[in-house]
Amino acid sequence: MLSKDKMARINQLSKKSKTEGLTEAEAQEQQELRKEYLQTFRQSMTNHLHTIKVVDEKGNDVTPKKLKDSKKKRLH
């Protein structure tokens, strides 16, 4: 995840953009920070999904093929 400083900066820029507006440099910084945040979030979610195994009520593995393939691909 992003550092606390970067998260604080994202929030600070967001608040400033709503109240008084951002300079071009600040708007660019905000876009870069948001892009980095989304990239980290997506990676974290992907890692989390790779730990999931779906089982039906009878105990059979019914994990979607796409997820199984993604896990295999990640390991190799």
N, C-alpha and C. Protein backbone atom coordinates (compact mmCIF):
# COMPACT_ATOMS: atom_id res chain seq x y z
N MET A 1 0.83 -1.18 0.00
CA MET A 1 0.00 0.00 0.00
C MET A 1 0.88 1.24 0.00
N LEU A 2 0.29 2.35 -0.31
CA LEU A 2 1.02 3.61 -0.33
C LEU A 2 1.38 4.05 1.08
N SER A 3 2.43 4.83 1.17
CA SER A 3 2.84 5.34 2.47
C SER A 3 1.80 6.33 3.01
N LYS A 4 1.83 6.53 4.31
CA LYS A 4 0.89 7.46 4.93
C LYS A 4 1.07 8.87 4.40
N ASP A 5 2.32 9.23 4.10
CA ASP A 5 2.59 10.57 3.58
C ASP A 5 1.92 10.79 2.22
N LYS A 6 2.01 9.77 1.36
CA LYS A 6 1.40 9.91 0.03
C LYS A 6 -0.11 9.93 0.12
N MET A 7 -0.67 9.11 1.01
CA MET A 7 -2.13 9.12 1.19
C MET A 7 -2.59 10.48 1.72
N ALA A 8 -1.83 11.02 2.66
CA ALA A 8 -2.17 12.33 3.21
C ALA A 8 -2.10 13.40 2.12
N ARG A 9 -1.12 13.29 1.25
CA ARG A 9 -0.96 14.27 0.16
C ARG A 9 -2.11 14.16 -0.84
N ILE A 10 -2.54 12.94 -1.14
CA ILE A 10 -3.68 12.75 -2.03
C ILE A 10 -4.91 13.43 -1.44
N ASN A 11 -5.16 13.20 -0.15
CA ASN A 11 -6.31 13.81 0.51
C ASN A 11 -6.20 15.33 0.57
N GLN A 12 -4.99 15.81 0.81
CA GLN A 12 -4.77 17.25 0.88
C GLN A 12 -5.06 17.91 -0.47
N LEU A 13 -4.56 17.30 -1.54
CA LEU A 13 -4.79 17.85 -2.88
C LEU A 13 -6.27 17.77 -3.26
N SER A 14 -6.93 16.71 -2.86
CA SER A 14 -8.35 16.57 -3.16
C SER A 14 -9.16 17.67 -2.47
N LYS A 15 -8.84 17.89 -1.21
CA LYS A 15 -9.55 18.93 -0.46
C LYS A 15 -9.28 20.31 -1.07
N LYS A 16 -8.03 20.55 -1.42
CA LYS A 16 -7.67 21.85 -2.00
C LYS A 16 -8.37 22.06 -3.34
N SER A 17 -8.46 20.99 -4.15
CA SER A 17 -9.10 21.13 -5.46
C SER A 17 -10.58 21.49 -5.32
N LYS A 18 -11.21 21.04 -4.23
CA LYS A 18 -12.63 21.35 -4.01
C LYS A 18 -12.84 22.76 -3.47
N THR A 19 -11.85 23.28 -2.74
CA THR A 19 -12.03 24.58 -2.10
C THR A 19 -11.49 25.73 -2.93
N GLU A 20 -10.22 25.63 -3.30
CA GLU A 20 -9.62 26.79 -3.99
C GLU A 20 -9.04 26.49 -5.35
N GLY A 21 -8.98 25.23 -5.74
CA GLY A 21 -8.43 24.86 -7.04
C GLY A 21 -6.95 24.54 -6.95
N LEU A 22 -6.47 23.84 -7.97
CA LEU A 22 -5.06 23.41 -8.00
C LEU A 22 -4.30 24.11 -9.12
N THR A 23 -3.01 24.28 -8.89
CA THR A 23 -2.14 24.76 -9.96
C THR A 23 -1.92 23.60 -10.92
N GLU A 24 -1.34 23.89 -12.07
CA GLU A 24 -1.05 22.82 -13.04
C GLU A 24 -0.12 21.78 -12.44
N ALA A 25 0.88 22.22 -11.70
CA ALA A 25 1.84 21.30 -11.10
C ALA A 25 1.15 20.40 -10.06
N GLU A 26 0.27 21.00 -9.27
CA GLU A 26 -0.45 20.22 -8.27
C GLU A 26 -1.42 19.23 -8.91
N ALA A 27 -2.07 19.66 -9.99
CA ALA A 27 -2.98 18.76 -10.70
C ALA A 27 -2.22 17.58 -11.29
N GLN A 28 -1.04 17.83 -11.82
CA GLN A 28 -0.20 16.77 -12.37
C GLN A 28 0.23 15.82 -11.24
N GLU A 29 0.65 16.38 -10.12
CA GLU A 29 1.05 15.57 -8.97
C GLU A 29 -0.12 14.70 -8.49
N GLN A 30 -1.31 15.29 -8.46
CA GLN A 30 -2.50 14.56 -8.03
C GLN A 30 -2.77 13.38 -8.96
N GLN A 31 -2.66 13.60 -10.26
CA GLN A 31 -2.89 12.53 -11.23
C GLN A 31 -1.87 11.40 -11.06
N GLU A 32 -0.61 11.76 -10.84
CA GLU A 32 0.44 10.74 -10.66
C GLU A 32 0.21 9.94 -9.38
N LEU A 33 -0.16 10.64 -8.31
CA LEU A 33 -0.43 9.95 -7.05
C LEU A 33 -1.64 9.02 -7.16
N ARG A 34 -2.67 9.49 -7.84
CA ARG A 34 -3.86 8.65 -8.04
C ARG A 34 -3.53 7.41 -8.86
N LYS A 35 -2.73 7.62 -9.89
CA LYS A 35 -2.32 6.49 -10.75
C LYS A 35 -1.53 5.46 -9.92
N GLU A 36 -0.62 5.94 -9.10
CA GLU A 36 0.17 5.05 -8.25
C GLU A 36 -0.73 4.32 -7.24
N TYR A 37 -1.69 5.06 -6.68
CA TYR A 37 -2.62 4.46 -5.72
C TYR A 37 -3.43 3.34 -6.38
N LEU A 38 -3.98 3.60 -7.55
CA LEU A 38 -4.78 2.59 -8.24
C LEU A 38 -3.94 1.37 -8.62
N GLN A 39 -2.72 1.60 -9.05
CA GLN A 39 -1.83 0.49 -9.40
C GLN A 39 -1.57 -0.38 -8.17
N THR A 40 -1.30 0.23 -7.04
CA THR A 40 -1.04 -0.53 -5.81
C THR A 40 -2.30 -1.25 -5.35
N PHE A 41 -3.44 -0.58 -5.45
CA PHE A 41 -4.70 -1.19 -5.04
C PHE A 41 -5.00 -2.41 -5.90
N ARG A 42 -4.85 -2.28 -7.20
CA ARG A 42 -5.13 -3.40 -8.10
C ARG A 42 -4.21 -4.58 -7.84
N GLN A 43 -2.93 -4.29 -7.60
CA GLN A 43 -1.98 -5.36 -7.30
C GLN A 43 -2.35 -6.06 -6.00
N SER A 44 -2.73 -5.28 -5.01
CA SER A 44 -3.13 -5.84 -3.73
C SER A 44 -4.37 -6.72 -3.88
N MET A 45 -5.34 -6.26 -4.66
CA MET A 45 -6.56 -7.04 -4.89
C MET A 45 -6.25 -8.33 -5.65
N THR A 46 -5.39 -8.27 -6.62
CA THR A 46 -4.99 -9.46 -7.37
C THR A 46 -4.32 -10.46 -6.46
N ASN A 47 -3.42 -10.00 -5.61
CA ASN A 47 -2.75 -10.89 -4.66
C ASN A 47 -3.76 -11.53 -3.72
N HIS A 48 -4.73 -10.76 -3.28
CA HIS A 48 -5.76 -11.28 -2.39
C HIS A 48 -6.60 -12.35 -3.10
N LEU A 49 -6.99 -12.08 -4.34
CA LEU A 49 -7.80 -13.04 -5.08
C LEU A 49 -7.05 -14.36 -5.31
N HIS A 50 -5.74 -14.28 -5.44
CA HIS A 50 -4.95 -15.49 -5.66
C HIS A 50 -4.92 -16.39 -4.42
N THR A 51 -5.37 -15.91 -3.29
CA THR A 51 -5.39 -16.73 -2.08
C THR A 51 -6.76 -17.40 -1.87
N ILE A 52 -7.71 -17.09 -2.73
CA ILE A 52 -9.08 -17.58 -2.55
C ILE A 52 -9.30 -18.90 -3.27
N LYS A 53 -9.99 -19.79 -2.59
CA LYS A 53 -10.42 -21.05 -3.18
C LYS A 53 -11.93 -21.14 -2.95
N VAL A 54 -12.68 -21.37 -4.01
CA VAL A 54 -14.13 -21.42 -3.92
C VAL A 54 -14.56 -22.89 -3.82
N VAL A 55 -15.37 -23.19 -2.79
CA VAL A 55 -15.85 -24.55 -2.59
C VAL A 55 -17.37 -24.54 -2.47
N ASP A 56 -18.01 -25.53 -3.07
CA ASP A 56 -19.47 -25.61 -2.94
C ASP A 56 -19.85 -26.28 -1.62
N GLU A 57 -21.15 -26.43 -1.39
CA GLU A 57 -21.61 -26.98 -0.11
C GLU A 57 -21.21 -28.44 0.11
N LYS A 58 -20.84 -29.14 -0.96
CA LYS A 58 -20.41 -30.54 -0.85
C LYS A 58 -18.89 -30.65 -0.66
N GLY A 59 -18.19 -29.52 -0.67
CA GLY A 59 -16.75 -29.52 -0.47
C GLY A 59 -15.95 -29.64 -1.76
N ASN A 60 -16.62 -29.55 -2.90
CA ASN A 60 -15.94 -29.63 -4.19
C ASN A 60 -15.33 -28.27 -4.55
N ASP A 61 -14.14 -28.32 -5.09
CA ASP A 61 -13.48 -27.09 -5.53
C ASP A 61 -14.17 -26.59 -6.80
N VAL A 62 -14.78 -25.42 -6.73
CA VAL A 62 -15.46 -24.83 -7.88
C VAL A 62 -14.86 -23.46 -8.22
N THR A 63 -13.58 -23.33 -7.93
CA THR A 63 -12.88 -22.09 -8.25
C THR A 63 -12.95 -21.87 -9.76
N PRO A 64 -13.31 -20.66 -10.20
CA PRO A 64 -13.39 -20.41 -11.64
C PRO A 64 -12.07 -20.71 -12.36
N LYS A 65 -12.17 -21.26 -13.56
CA LYS A 65 -11.01 -21.64 -14.35
C LYS A 65 -10.07 -20.44 -14.56
N LYS A 66 -10.65 -19.30 -14.79
CA LYS A 66 -9.84 -18.09 -15.03
C LYS A 66 -8.94 -17.80 -13.82
N LEU A 67 -9.48 -17.94 -12.62
CA LEU A 67 -8.69 -17.70 -11.41
C LEU A 67 -7.62 -18.77 -11.23
N LYS A 68 -7.98 -20.04 -11.49
CA LYS A 68 -7.00 -21.12 -11.40
C LYS A 68 -5.85 -20.88 -12.37
N ASP A 69 -6.17 -20.51 -13.60
CA ASP A 69 -5.15 -20.25 -14.62
C ASP A 69 -4.26 -19.09 -14.20
N SER A 70 -4.87 -18.06 -13.64
CA SER A 70 -4.10 -16.90 -13.20
C SER A 70 -3.13 -17.28 -12.08
N LYS A 71 -3.57 -18.15 -11.16
CA LYS A 71 -2.70 -18.61 -10.08
C LYS A 71 -1.52 -19.39 -10.63
N LYS A 72 -1.81 -20.31 -11.60
CA LYS A 72 -0.75 -21.12 -12.21
C LYS A 72 0.27 -20.22 -12.93
N LYS A 73 -0.25 -19.27 -13.67
CA LYS A 73 0.60 -18.36 -14.44
C LYS A 73 1.51 -17.56 -13.51
N ARG A 74 0.97 -17.17 -12.37
CA ARG A 74 1.72 -16.38 -11.39
C ARG A 74 2.86 -17.18 -10.78
N LEU A 75 2.61 -18.48 -10.57
CA LEU A 75 3.62 -19.34 -9.96
C LEU A 75 4.76 -19.68 -10.91
N HIS A 76 4.51 -19.62 -12.21
CA HIS A 76 5.55 -20.00 -13.19
C HIS A 76 6.21 -18.84 -13.82
